[in-house]
């Protein structure tokens, strides 16, 4: 695993059940383009909770047979019209996507 893959893996593995993070947020923290983050997530998906990494508009990933939405619903992630309902997610106590990030990285996610 190269350095970029390791950074993405480390960040994605810190997102707990019931939380999500966008490709762009990971990119800002890791210093990578969101598209590169997407390619890396696709490559290392067996070692991370890939379904918790979503597009900025709330669209869950389409890989793995489109199972991400069902996995997120099992973790009580709110949806509206097939996308994550960011407003309802952010209204929860720990619902901000960057809530799962380690201290010191939260400002990078904004």
PDB file of N, CA and C in Angstrom:
ATOM      1  N   UNK A   1       0.851  -1.173   0.000  1.00  0.00           N
ATOM      2  CA  UNK A   1       0.000   0.000   0.000  1.00  0.00           C
ATOM      3  C   UNK A   1       0.900   1.240   0.000  1.00  0.00           C
ATOM      4  N   UNK A   2       0.630   2.169  -0.912  1.00  0.00           N
ATOM      5  CA  UNK A   2       1.451   3.377  -0.972  1.00  0.00           C
ATOM      6  C   UNK A   2       0.971   4.413   0.061  1.00  0.00           C
ATOM      7  N   UNK A   3       1.692   5.516   0.157  1.00  0.00           N
ATOM      8  CA  UNK A   3       1.409   6.530   1.176  1.00  0.00           C
ATOM      9  C   UNK A   3       0.007   7.121   1.029  1.00  0.00           C
ATOM     10  N   UNK A   4      -0.415   7.441  -0.187  1.00  0.00           N
ATOM     11  CA  UNK A   4      -1.746   8.011  -0.401  1.00  0.00           C
ATOM     12  C   UNK A   4      -2.823   7.009   0.011  1.00  0.00           C
ATOM     13  N   UNK A   5      -2.649   5.750  -0.359  1.00  0.00           N
ATOM     14  CA  UNK A   5      -3.618   4.724   0.024  1.00  0.00           C
ATOM     15  C   UNK A   5      -3.676   4.582   1.538  1.00  0.00           C
ATOM     16  N   UNK A   6      -2.537   4.639   2.179  1.00  0.00           N
ATOM     17  CA  UNK A   6      -2.488   4.515   3.639  1.00  0.00           C
ATOM     18  C   UNK A   6      -3.201   5.690   4.318  1.00  0.00           C
ATOM     19  N   UNK A   7      -3.026   6.902   3.790  1.00  0.00           N
ATOM     20  CA  UNK A   7      -3.708   8.074   4.363  1.00  0.00           C
ATOM     21  C   UNK A   7      -5.223   7.937   4.216  1.00  0.00           C
ATOM     22  N   UNK A   8      -5.680   7.529   3.045  1.00  0.00           N
ATOM     23  CA  UNK A   8      -7.114   7.349   2.817  1.00  0.00           C
ATOM     24  C   UNK A   8      -7.645   6.242   3.727  1.00  0.00           C
ATOM     25  N   UNK A   9      -6.934   5.143   3.830  1.00  0.00           N
ATOM     26  CA  UNK A   9      -7.359   4.030   4.683  1.00  0.00           C
ATOM     27  C   UNK A   9      -7.482   4.483   6.138  1.00  0.00           C
ATOM     28  N   UNK A  10      -6.494   5.213   6.613  1.00  0.00           N
ATOM     29  CA  UNK A  10      -6.494   5.676   8.004  1.00  0.00           C
ATOM     30  C   UNK A  10      -7.697   6.583   8.287  1.00  0.00           C
ATOM     31  N   UNK A  11      -7.968   7.516   7.387  1.00  0.00           N
ATOM     32  CA  UNK A  11      -9.094   8.438   7.570  1.00  0.00           C
ATOM     33  C   UNK A  11     -10.423   7.684   7.502  1.00  0.00           C
ATOM     34  N   UNK A  12     -10.601   6.854   6.477  1.00  0.00           N
ATOM     35  CA  UNK A  12     -11.870   6.135   6.300  1.00  0.00           C
ATOM     36  C   UNK A  12     -12.152   5.194   7.472  1.00  0.00           C
ATOM     37  N   UNK A  13     -11.130   4.576   8.004  1.00  0.00           N
ATOM     38  CA  UNK A  13     -11.329   3.645   9.112  1.00  0.00           C
ATOM     39  C   UNK A  13     -11.690   4.341  10.416  1.00  0.00           C
ATOM     40  N   UNK A  14     -11.563   5.649  10.478  1.00  0.00           N
ATOM     41  CA  UNK A  14     -11.940   6.393  11.680  1.00  0.00           C
ATOM     42  C   UNK A  14     -13.407   6.824  11.670  1.00  0.00           C
ATOM     43  N   UNK A  15     -14.094   6.614  10.563  1.00  0.00           N
ATOM     44  CA  UNK A  15     -15.500   7.002  10.474  1.00  0.00           C
ATOM     45  C   UNK A  15     -16.330   5.880  11.097  1.00  0.00           C
ATOM     46  N   UNK A  16     -16.994   6.169  12.223  1.00  0.00           N
ATOM     47  CA  UNK A  16     -17.755   5.113  12.912  1.00  0.00           C
ATOM     48  C   UNK A  16     -19.093   4.824  12.236  1.00  0.00           C
ATOM     49  N   UNK A  17     -19.680   3.717  12.619  1.00  0.00           N
ATOM     50  CA  UNK A  17     -21.018   3.370  12.144  1.00  0.00           C
ATOM     51  C   UNK A  17     -21.957   4.520  12.471  1.00  0.00           C
ATOM     52  N   UNK A  18     -22.842   4.848  11.527  1.00  0.00           N
ATOM     53  CA  UNK A  18     -23.793   5.926  11.721  1.00  0.00           C
ATOM     54  C   UNK A  18     -23.278   7.288  11.299  1.00  0.00           C
ATOM     55  N   UNK A  19     -22.080   7.338  10.747  1.00  0.00           N
ATOM     56  CA  UNK A  19     -21.485   8.575  10.257  1.00  0.00           C
ATOM     57  C   UNK A  19     -20.995   8.358   8.830  1.00  0.00           C
ATOM     58  N   UNK A  20     -20.800   9.449   8.101  1.00  0.00           N
ATOM     59  CA  UNK A  20     -20.264   9.378   6.745  1.00  0.00           C
ATOM     60  C   UNK A  20     -19.249  10.485   6.553  1.00  0.00           C
ATOM     61  N   UNK A  21     -18.493  10.360   5.475  1.00  0.00           N
ATOM     62  CA  UNK A  21     -17.524  11.385   5.082  1.00  0.00           C
ATOM     63  C   UNK A  21     -17.511  11.419   3.562  1.00  0.00           C
ATOM     64  N   UNK A  22     -17.273  12.576   2.990  1.00  0.00           N
ATOM     65  CA  UNK A  22     -17.253  12.677   1.529  1.00  0.00           C
ATOM     66  C   UNK A  22     -15.847  12.458   0.985  1.00  0.00           C
ATOM     67  N   UNK A  23     -15.793  12.130  -0.289  1.00  0.00           N
ATOM     68  CA  UNK A  23     -14.500  11.984  -0.962  1.00  0.00           C
ATOM     69  C   UNK A  23     -13.707  13.287  -0.843  1.00  0.00           C
ATOM     70  N   UNK A  24     -14.397  14.410  -0.980  1.00  0.00           N
ATOM     71  CA  UNK A  24     -13.738  15.713  -0.888  1.00  0.00           C
ATOM     72  C   UNK A  24     -13.178  15.990   0.489  1.00  0.00           C
ATOM     73  N   UNK A  25     -13.912  15.606   1.527  1.00  0.00           N
ATOM     74  CA  UNK A  25     -13.406  15.806   2.882  1.00  0.00           C
ATOM     75  C   UNK A  25     -12.144  14.979   3.114  1.00  0.00           C
ATOM     76  N   UNK A  26     -12.172  13.733   2.675  1.00  0.00           N
ATOM     77  CA  UNK A  26     -10.963  12.912   2.797  1.00  0.00           C
ATOM     78  C   UNK A  26      -9.838  13.548   2.003  1.00  0.00           C
ATOM     79  N   UNK A  27     -10.155  14.032   0.799  1.00  0.00           N
ATOM     80  CA  UNK A  27      -9.143  14.663  -0.043  1.00  0.00           C
ATOM     81  C   UNK A  27      -8.495  15.864   0.619  1.00  0.00           C
ATOM     82  N   UNK A  28      -9.306  16.722   1.247  1.00  0.00           N
ATOM     83  CA  UNK A  28      -8.740  17.900   1.925  1.00  0.00           C
ATOM     84  C   UNK A  28      -7.826  17.490   3.076  1.00  0.00           C
ATOM     85  N   UNK A  29      -8.218  16.499   3.824  1.00  0.00           N
ATOM     86  CA  UNK A  29      -7.413  16.054   4.958  1.00  0.00           C
ATOM     87  C   UNK A  29      -6.129  15.379   4.490  1.00  0.00           C
ATOM     88  N   UNK A  30      -6.241  14.548   3.461  1.00  0.00           N
ATOM     89  CA  UNK A  30      -5.098  13.770   2.978  1.00  0.00           C
ATOM     90  C   UNK A  30      -4.250  14.509   1.958  1.00  0.00           C
ATOM     91  N   UNK A  31      -4.732  15.674   1.487  1.00  0.00           N
ATOM     92  CA  UNK A  31      -3.995  16.422   0.471  1.00  0.00           C
ATOM     93  C   UNK A  31      -4.095  15.790  -0.904  1.00  0.00           C
ATOM     94  N   UNK A  32      -5.269  15.237  -1.216  1.00  0.00           N
ATOM     95  CA  UNK A  32      -5.483  14.545  -2.492  1.00  0.00           C
ATOM     96  C   UNK A  32      -6.725  15.090  -3.197  1.00  0.00           C
ATOM     97  N   UNK A  33      -6.777  14.937  -4.502  1.00  0.00           N
ATOM     98  CA  UNK A  33      -7.953  15.282  -5.286  1.00  0.00           C
ATOM     99  C   UNK A  33      -9.068  14.282  -4.966  1.00  0.00           C
ATOM    100  N   UNK A  34     -10.324  14.747  -4.837  1.00  0.00           N
ATOM    101  CA  UNK A  34     -11.417  13.822  -4.536  1.00  0.00           C
ATOM    102  C   UNK A  34     -11.543  12.663  -5.520  1.00  0.00           C
ATOM    103  N   UNK A  35     -11.236  12.903  -6.789  1.00  0.00           N
ATOM    104  CA  UNK A  35     -11.303  11.798  -7.761  1.00  0.00           C
ATOM    105  C   UNK A  35     -10.244  10.742  -7.470  1.00  0.00           C
ATOM    106  N   UNK A  36      -9.070  11.191  -7.031  1.00  0.00           N
ATOM    107  CA  UNK A  36      -8.036  10.236  -6.652  1.00  0.00           C
ATOM    108  C   UNK A  36      -8.495   9.444  -5.426  1.00  0.00           C
ATOM    109  N   UNK A  37      -9.137  10.135  -4.477  1.00  0.00           N
ATOM    110  CA  UNK A  37      -9.663   9.442  -3.300  1.00  0.00           C
ATOM    111  C   UNK A  37     -10.644   8.355  -3.749  1.00  0.00           C
ATOM    112  N   UNK A  38     -11.509   8.679  -4.697  1.00  0.00           N
ATOM    113  CA  UNK A  38     -12.461   7.694  -5.213  1.00  0.00           C
ATOM    114  C   UNK A  38     -11.782   6.483  -5.813  1.00  0.00           C
ATOM    115  N   UNK A  39     -10.734   6.718  -6.580  1.00  0.00           N
ATOM    116  CA  UNK A  39      -9.992   5.591  -7.172  1.00  0.00           C
ATOM    117  C   UNK A  39      -9.333   4.745  -6.085  1.00  0.00           C
ATOM    118  N   UNK A  40      -8.793   5.410  -5.087  1.00  0.00           N
ATOM    119  CA  UNK A  40      -8.141   4.684  -3.996  1.00  0.00           C
ATOM    120  C   UNK A  40      -9.174   3.877  -3.211  1.00  0.00           C
ATOM    121  N   UNK A  41     -10.315   4.495  -2.889  1.00  0.00           N
ATOM    122  CA  UNK A  41     -11.357   3.775  -2.156  1.00  0.00           C
ATOM    123  C   UNK A  41     -11.777   2.531  -2.935  1.00  0.00           C
ATOM    124  N   UNK A  42     -11.906   2.642  -4.240  1.00  0.00           N
ATOM    125  CA  UNK A  42     -12.279   1.486  -5.058  1.00  0.00           C
ATOM    126  C   UNK A  42     -11.219   0.383  -4.972  1.00  0.00           C
ATOM    127  N   UNK A  43      -9.952   0.785  -4.914  1.00  0.00           N
ATOM    128  CA  UNK A  43      -8.857  -0.189  -4.859  1.00  0.00           C
ATOM    129  C   UNK A  43      -8.736  -0.878  -3.508  1.00  0.00           C
ATOM    130  N   UNK A  44      -8.989  -0.140  -2.425  1.00  0.00           N
ATOM    131  CA  UNK A  44      -8.753  -0.694  -1.090  1.00  0.00           C
ATOM    132  C   UNK A  44     -10.061  -0.963  -0.340  1.00  0.00           C
ATOM    133  N   UNK A  45     -11.154  -1.072  -1.044  1.00  0.00           N
ATOM    134  CA  UNK A  45     -12.469  -1.166  -0.397  1.00  0.00           C
ATOM    135  C   UNK A  45     -12.602  -2.363   0.536  1.00  0.00           C
ATOM    136  N   UNK A  46     -11.827  -3.398   0.327  1.00  0.00           N
ATOM    137  CA  UNK A  46     -11.931  -4.568   1.204  1.00  0.00           C
ATOM    138  C   UNK A  46     -11.387  -4.296   2.599  1.00  0.00           C
ATOM    139  N   UNK A  47     -10.590  -3.229   2.766  1.00  0.00           N
ATOM    140  CA  UNK A  47      -9.980  -2.963   4.068  1.00  0.00           C
ATOM    141  C   UNK A  47     -10.545  -1.724   4.770  1.00  0.00           C
ATOM    142  N   UNK A  48     -11.629  -1.166   4.234  1.00  0.00           N
ATOM    143  CA  UNK A  48     -12.226   0.037   4.842  1.00  0.00           C
ATOM    144  C   UNK A  48     -13.757  -0.057   4.784  1.00  0.00           C
ATOM    145  N   UNK A  49     -14.456   0.754   5.580  1.00  0.00           N
ATOM    146  CA  UNK A  49     -15.912   0.813   5.462  1.00  0.00           C
ATOM    147  C   UNK A  49     -16.303   1.708   4.279  1.00  0.00           C
ATOM    148  N   UNK A  50     -16.133   1.201   3.076  1.00  0.00           N
ATOM    149  CA  UNK A  50     -16.284   1.954   1.832  1.00  0.00           C
ATOM    150  C   UNK A  50     -17.657   2.612   1.716  1.00  0.00           C
ATOM    151  N   UNK A  51     -18.709   2.001   2.267  1.00  0.00           N
ATOM    152  CA  UNK A  51     -20.068   2.533   2.142  1.00  0.00           C
ATOM    153  C   UNK A  51     -20.249   3.835   2.909  1.00  0.00           C
ATOM    154  N   UNK A  52     -19.328   4.163   3.815  1.00  0.00           N
ATOM    155  CA  UNK A  52     -19.412   5.415   4.578  1.00  0.00           C
ATOM    156  C   UNK A  52     -18.725   6.580   3.873  1.00  0.00           C
ATOM    157  N   UNK A  53     -18.132   6.320   2.711  1.00  0.00           N
ATOM    158  CA  UNK A  53     -17.484   7.373   1.919  1.00  0.00           C
ATOM    159  C   UNK A  53     -18.424   7.692   0.760  1.00  0.00           C
ATOM    160  N   UNK A  54     -18.952   8.924   0.752  1.00  0.00           N
ATOM    161  CA  UNK A  54     -20.014   9.288  -0.180  1.00  0.00           C
ATOM    162  C   UNK A  54     -19.634  10.524  -0.996  1.00  0.00           C
ATOM    163  N   UNK A  55     -20.411  10.789  -2.021  1.00  0.00           N
ATOM    164  CA  UNK A  55     -20.221  12.015  -2.810  1.00  0.00           C
ATOM    165  C   UNK A  55     -20.691  13.213  -1.999  1.00  0.00           C
ATOM    166  N   UNK A  56     -20.203  14.373  -2.341  1.00  0.00           N
ATOM    167  CA  UNK A  56     -20.553  15.603  -1.619  1.00  0.00           C
ATOM    168  C   UNK A  56     -22.048  15.894  -1.664  1.00  0.00           C
ATOM    169  N   UNK A  57     -22.726  15.446  -2.715  1.00  0.00           N
ATOM    170  CA  UNK A  57     -24.165  15.699  -2.812  1.00  0.00           C
ATOM    171  C   UNK A  57     -24.991  14.670  -2.024  1.00  0.00           C
ATOM    172  N   UNK A  58     -24.310  13.743  -1.347  1.00  0.00           N
ATOM    173  CA  UNK A  58     -25.003  12.750  -0.540  1.00  0.00           C
ATOM    174  C   UNK A  58     -25.290  11.445  -1.245  1.00  0.00           C
ATOM    175  N   UNK A  59     -24.879  11.324  -2.490  1.00  0.00           N
ATOM    176  CA  UNK A  59     -25.090  10.080  -3.224  1.00  0.00           C
ATOM    177  C   UNK A  59     -24.158   9.002  -2.687  1.00  0.00           C
ATOM    178  N   UNK A  60     -24.716   7.862  -2.285  1.00  0.00           N
ATOM    179  CA  UNK A  60     -23.842   6.790  -1.815  1.00  0.00           C
ATOM    180  C   UNK A  60     -23.107   6.137  -2.990  1.00  0.00           C
ATOM    181  N   UNK A  61     -21.999   5.459  -2.717  1.00  0.00           N
ATOM    182  CA  UNK A  61     -21.260   4.814  -3.802  1.00  0.00           C
ATOM    183  C   UNK A  61     -22.105   3.751  -4.500  1.00  0.00           C
ATOM    184  N   UNK A  62     -21.873   3.584  -5.793  1.00  0.00           N
ATOM    185  CA  UNK A  62     -22.638   2.631  -6.590  1.00  0.00           C
ATOM    186  C   UNK A  62     -21.940   1.277  -6.718  1.00  0.00           C
ATOM    187  N   UNK A  63     -20.733   1.170  -6.201  1.00  0.00           N
ATOM    188  CA  UNK A  63     -19.989  -0.090  -6.327  1.00  0.00           C
ATOM    189  C   UNK A  63     -20.588  -1.179  -5.435  1.00  0.00           C
ATOM    190  N   UNK A  64     -20.030  -2.349  -5.512  1.00  0.00           N
ATOM    191  CA  UNK A  64     -20.471  -3.496  -4.710  1.00  0.00           C
ATOM    192  C   UNK A  64     -21.958  -3.778  -4.901  1.00  0.00           C
ATOM    193  N   UNK A  65     -22.391  -3.683  -6.130  1.00  0.00           N
ATOM    194  CA  UNK A  65     -23.772  -4.003  -6.453  1.00  0.00           C
ATOM    195  C   UNK A  65     -24.798  -3.020  -5.919  1.00  0.00           C
ATOM    196  N   UNK A  66     -24.359  -1.802  -5.624  1.00  0.00           N
ATOM    197  CA  UNK A  66     -25.282  -0.787  -5.139  1.00  0.00           C
ATOM    198  C   UNK A  66     -25.795  -1.034  -3.725  1.00  0.00           C
ATOM    199  N   UNK A  67     -25.024  -1.743  -2.907  1.00  0.00           N
ATOM    200  CA  UNK A  67     -25.467  -2.097  -1.550  1.00  0.00           C
ATOM    201  C   UNK A  67     -25.206  -1.014  -0.513  1.00  0.00           C
ATOM    202  N   UNK A  68     -24.509   0.060  -0.868  1.00  0.00           N
ATOM    203  CA  UNK A  68     -24.141   1.088   0.113  1.00  0.00           C
ATOM    204  C   UNK A  68     -25.364   1.705   0.786  1.00  0.00           C
ATOM    205  N   UNK A  69     -26.389   2.021   0.023  1.00  0.00           N
ATOM    206  CA  UNK A  69     -27.575   2.643   0.605  1.00  0.00           C
ATOM    207  C   UNK A  69     -28.191   1.786   1.693  1.00  0.00           C
ATOM    208  N   UNK A  70     -28.313   0.486   1.439  1.00  0.00           N
ATOM    209  CA  UNK A  70     -28.887  -0.420   2.440  1.00  0.00           C
ATOM    210  C   UNK A  70     -27.995  -0.511   3.674  1.00  0.00           C
ATOM    211  N   UNK A  71     -26.684  -0.551   3.463  1.00  0.00           N
ATOM    212  CA  UNK A  71     -25.760  -0.600   4.603  1.00  0.00           C
ATOM    213  C   UNK A  71     -25.852   0.673   5.436  1.00  0.00           C
ATOM    214  N   UNK A  72     -25.960   1.820   4.767  1.00  0.00           N
ATOM    215  CA  UNK A  72     -26.082   3.087   5.495  1.00  0.00           C
ATOM    216  C   UNK A  72     -27.413   3.177   6.237  1.00  0.00           C
ATOM    217  N   UNK A  73     -28.476   2.698   5.627  1.00  0.00           N
ATOM    218  CA  UNK A  73     -29.766   2.699   6.308  1.00  0.00           C
ATOM    219  C   UNK A  73     -29.736   1.819   7.546  1.00  0.00           C
ATOM    220  N   UNK A  74     -29.016   0.705   7.487  1.00  0.00           N
ATOM    221  CA  UNK A  74     -28.860  -0.156   8.668  1.00  0.00           C
ATOM    222  C   UNK A  74     -28.137   0.581   9.794  1.00  0.00           C
ATOM    223  N   UNK A  75     -27.306   1.561   9.430  1.00  0.00           N
ATOM    224  CA  UNK A  75     -26.576   2.357  10.417  1.00  0.00           C
ATOM    225  C   UNK A  75     -27.343   3.637  10.778  1.00  0.00           C
ATOM    226  N   UNK A  76     -28.610   3.707  10.358  1.00  0.00           N
ATOM    227  CA  UNK A  76     -29.517   4.817  10.680  1.00  0.00           C
ATOM    228  C   UNK A  76     -29.088   6.155  10.083  1.00  0.00           C
ATOM    229  N   UNK A  77     -28.460   6.101   8.913  1.00  0.00           N
ATOM    230  CA  UNK A  77     -28.146   7.322   8.171  1.00  0.00           C
ATOM    231  C   UNK A  77     -29.435   7.765   7.477  1.00  0.00           C
ATOM    232  N   UNK A  78     -29.865   9.023   7.682  1.00  0.00           N
ATOM    233  CA  UNK A  78     -31.118   9.484   7.070  1.00  0.00           C
ATOM    234  C   UNK A  78     -30.960   9.767   5.569  1.00  0.00           C
ATOM    235  N   UNK A  79     -31.976   9.399   4.811  1.00  0.00           N
ATOM    236  CA  UNK A  79     -31.991   9.627   3.366  1.00  0.00           C
ATOM    237  C   UNK A  79     -33.204  10.465   2.987  1.00  0.00           C
ATOM    238  N   UNK A  80     -33.047  11.159   1.862  1.00  0.00           N
ATOM    239  CA  UNK A  80     -34.153  11.890   1.251  1.00  0.00           C
ATOM    240  C   UNK A  80     -33.933  11.837  -0.250  1.00  0.00           C
ATOM    241  N   UNK A  81     -34.888  11.293  -0.970  1.00  0.00           N
ATOM    242  CA  UNK A  81     -34.812  11.179  -2.429  1.00  0.00           C
ATOM    243  C   UNK A  81     -33.558  10.440  -2.887  1.00  0.00           C
ATOM    244  N   UNK A  82     -33.183   9.388  -2.183  1.00  0.00           N
ATOM    245  CA  UNK A  82     -32.059   8.556  -2.593  1.00  0.00           C
ATOM    246  C   UNK A  82     -30.684   9.076  -2.235  1.00  0.00           C
ATOM    247  N   UNK A  83     -30.638  10.199  -1.532  1.00  0.00           N
ATOM    248  CA  UNK A  83     -29.361  10.775  -1.118  1.00  0.00           C
ATOM    249  C   UNK A  83     -29.364  10.981   0.394  1.00  0.00           C
ATOM    250  N   UNK A  84     -28.183  11.069   0.960  1.00  0.00           N
ATOM    251  CA  UNK A  84     -28.087  11.330   2.389  1.00  0.00           C
ATOM    252  C   UNK A  84     -28.702  12.685   2.681  1.00  0.00           C
ATOM    253  N   UNK A  85     -29.526  12.722   3.699  1.00  0.00           N
ATOM    254  CA  UNK A  85     -30.165  13.966   4.124  1.00  0.00           C
ATOM    255  C   UNK A  85     -29.203  14.663   5.089  1.00  0.00           C
ATOM    256  N   UNK A  86     -28.334  15.513   4.516  1.00  0.00           N
ATOM    257  CA  UNK A  86     -27.298  16.179   5.321  1.00  0.00           C
ATOM    258  C   UNK A  86     -27.909  16.995   6.452  1.00  0.00           C
ATOM    259  N   UNK A  87     -29.035  17.652   6.211  1.00  0.00           N
ATOM    260  CA  UNK A  87     -29.655  18.493   7.246  1.00  0.00           C
ATOM    261  C   UNK A  87     -30.050  17.649   8.454  1.00  0.00           C
ATOM    262  N   UNK A  88     -30.691  16.518   8.211  1.00  0.00           N
ATOM    263  CA  UNK A  88     -31.082  15.646   9.333  1.00  0.00           C
ATOM    264  C   UNK A  88     -29.864  15.000   9.970  1.00  0.00           C
ATOM    265  N   UNK A  89     -28.883  14.644   9.178  1.00  0.00           N
ATOM    266  CA  UNK A  89     -27.668  14.034   9.723  1.00  0.00           C
ATOM    267  C   UNK A  89     -26.935  15.028  10.603  1.00  0.00           C
ATOM    268  N   UNK A  90     -26.829  16.271  10.147  1.00  0.00           N
ATOM    269  CA  UNK A  90     -26.126  17.291  10.915  1.00  0.00           C
ATOM    270  C   UNK A  90     -26.897  17.690  12.163  1.00  0.00           C
ATOM    271  N   UNK A  91     -28.207  17.459  12.181  1.00  0.00           N
ATOM    272  CA  UNK A  91     -29.006  17.790  13.340  1.00  0.00           C
ATOM    273  C   UNK A  91     -28.818  16.833  14.506  1.00  0.00           C
ATOM    274  N   UNK A  92     -28.236  15.679  14.226  1.00  0.00           N
ATOM    275  CA  UNK A  92     -27.988  14.726  15.304  1.00  0.00           C
ATOM    276  C   UNK A  92     -26.783  15.172  16.108  1.00  0.00           C
ATOM    277  N   UNK A  93     -26.673  14.674  17.301  1.00  0.00           N
ATOM    278  CA  UNK A  93     -25.594  15.097  18.206  1.00  0.00           C
ATOM    279  C   UNK A  93     -24.216  14.933  17.581  1.00  0.00           C
ATOM    280  N   UNK A  94     -23.946  13.808  16.929  1.00  0.00           N
ATOM    281  CA  UNK A  94     -22.640  13.593  16.308  1.00  0.00           C
ATOM    282  C   UNK A  94     -22.777  13.470  14.805  1.00  0.00           C
ATOM    283  N   UNK A  95     -23.787  14.119  14.241  1.00  0.00           N
ATOM    284  CA  UNK A  95     -24.107  13.916  12.849  1.00  0.00           C
ATOM    285  C   UNK A  95     -23.277  14.646  11.820  1.00  0.00           C
ATOM    286  N   UNK A  96     -22.389  15.546  12.215  1.00  0.00           N
ATOM    287  CA  UNK A  96     -21.586  16.232  11.216  1.00  0.00           C
ATOM    288  C   UNK A  96     -20.606  15.246  10.599  1.00  0.00           C
ATOM    289  N   UNK A  97     -20.456  15.244   9.280  1.00  0.00           N
ATOM    290  CA  UNK A  97     -19.552  14.288   8.651  1.00  0.00           C
ATOM    291  C   UNK A  97     -18.138  14.318   9.216  1.00  0.00           C
ATOM    292  N   UNK A  98     -17.670  15.466   9.659  1.00  0.00           N
ATOM    293  CA  UNK A  98     -16.303  15.539  10.182  1.00  0.00           C
ATOM    294  C   UNK A  98     -16.222  15.127  11.649  1.00  0.00           C
ATOM    295  N   UNK A  99     -17.349  14.772  12.281  1.00  0.00           N
ATOM    296  CA  UNK A  99     -17.344  14.401  13.697  1.00  0.00           C
ATOM    297  C   UNK A  99     -16.435  13.207  13.965  1.00  0.00           C
ATOM    298  N   UNK A 100     -16.251  12.361  12.967  1.00  0.00           N
ATOM    299  CA  UNK A 100     -15.449  11.161  13.162  1.00  0.00           C
ATOM    300  C   UNK A 100     -13.957  11.408  12.989  1.00  0.00           C
ATOM    301  N   UNK A 101     -13.607  12.584  12.542  1.00  0.00           N
ATOM    302  CA  UNK A 101     -12.204  12.844  12.235  1.00  0.00           C
ATOM    303  C   UNK A 101     -11.392  13.077  13.505  1.00  0.00           C
ATOM    304  N   UNK A 102     -10.118  12.755  13.459  1.00  0.00           N
ATOM    305  CA  UNK A 102      -9.284  12.943  14.636  1.00  0.00           C
ATOM    306  C   UNK A 102      -9.109  14.420  14.955  1.00  0.00           C
ATOM    307  N   UNK A 103      -8.854  14.742  16.241  1.00  0.00           N
ATOM    308  CA  UNK A 103      -8.613  16.154  16.602  1.00  0.00           C
ATOM    309  C   UNK A 103      -7.518  16.757  15.737  1.00  0.00           C
ATOM    310  N   UNK A 104      -7.688  18.011  15.391  1.00  0.00           N
ATOM    311  CA  UNK A 104      -6.704  18.689  14.550  1.00  0.00           C
ATOM    312  C   UNK A 104      -7.016  18.605  13.078  1.00  0.00           C
ATOM    313  N   UNK A 105      -7.854  17.653  12.669  1.00  0.00           N
ATOM    314  CA  UNK A 105      -8.215  17.508  11.262  1.00  0.00           C
ATOM    315  C   UNK A 105      -9.583  18.077  10.961  1.00  0.00           C
ATOM    316  N   UNK A 106     -10.346  18.462  11.961  1.00  0.00           N
ATOM    317  CA  UNK A 106     -11.700  18.937  11.728  1.00  0.00           C
ATOM    318  C   UNK A 106     -11.733  20.222  10.932  1.00  0.00           C
ATOM    319  N   UNK A 107     -10.758  21.107  11.162  1.00  0.00           N
ATOM    320  CA  UNK A 107     -10.755  22.351  10.384  1.00  0.00           C
ATOM    321  C   UNK A 107     -10.441  22.074   8.919  1.00  0.00           C
ATOM    322  N   UNK A 108      -9.716  21.002   8.623  1.00  0.00           N
ATOM    323  CA  UNK A 108      -9.397  20.652   7.239  1.00  0.00           C
ATOM    324  C   UNK A 108     -10.643  20.192   6.495  1.00  0.00           C
ATOM    325  N   UNK A 109     -11.630  19.681   7.219  1.00  0.00           N
ATOM    326  CA  UNK A 109     -12.840  19.164   6.583  1.00  0.00           C
ATOM    327  C   UNK A 109     -13.824  20.259   6.215  1.00  0.00           C
ATOM    328  N   UNK A 110     -13.594  21.464   6.668  1.00  0.00           N
ATOM    329  CA  UNK A 110     -14.566  22.532   6.419  1.00  0.00           C
ATOM    330  C   UNK A 110     -14.290  23.296   5.163  1.00  0.00           C
TER     331      UNK A 110
END
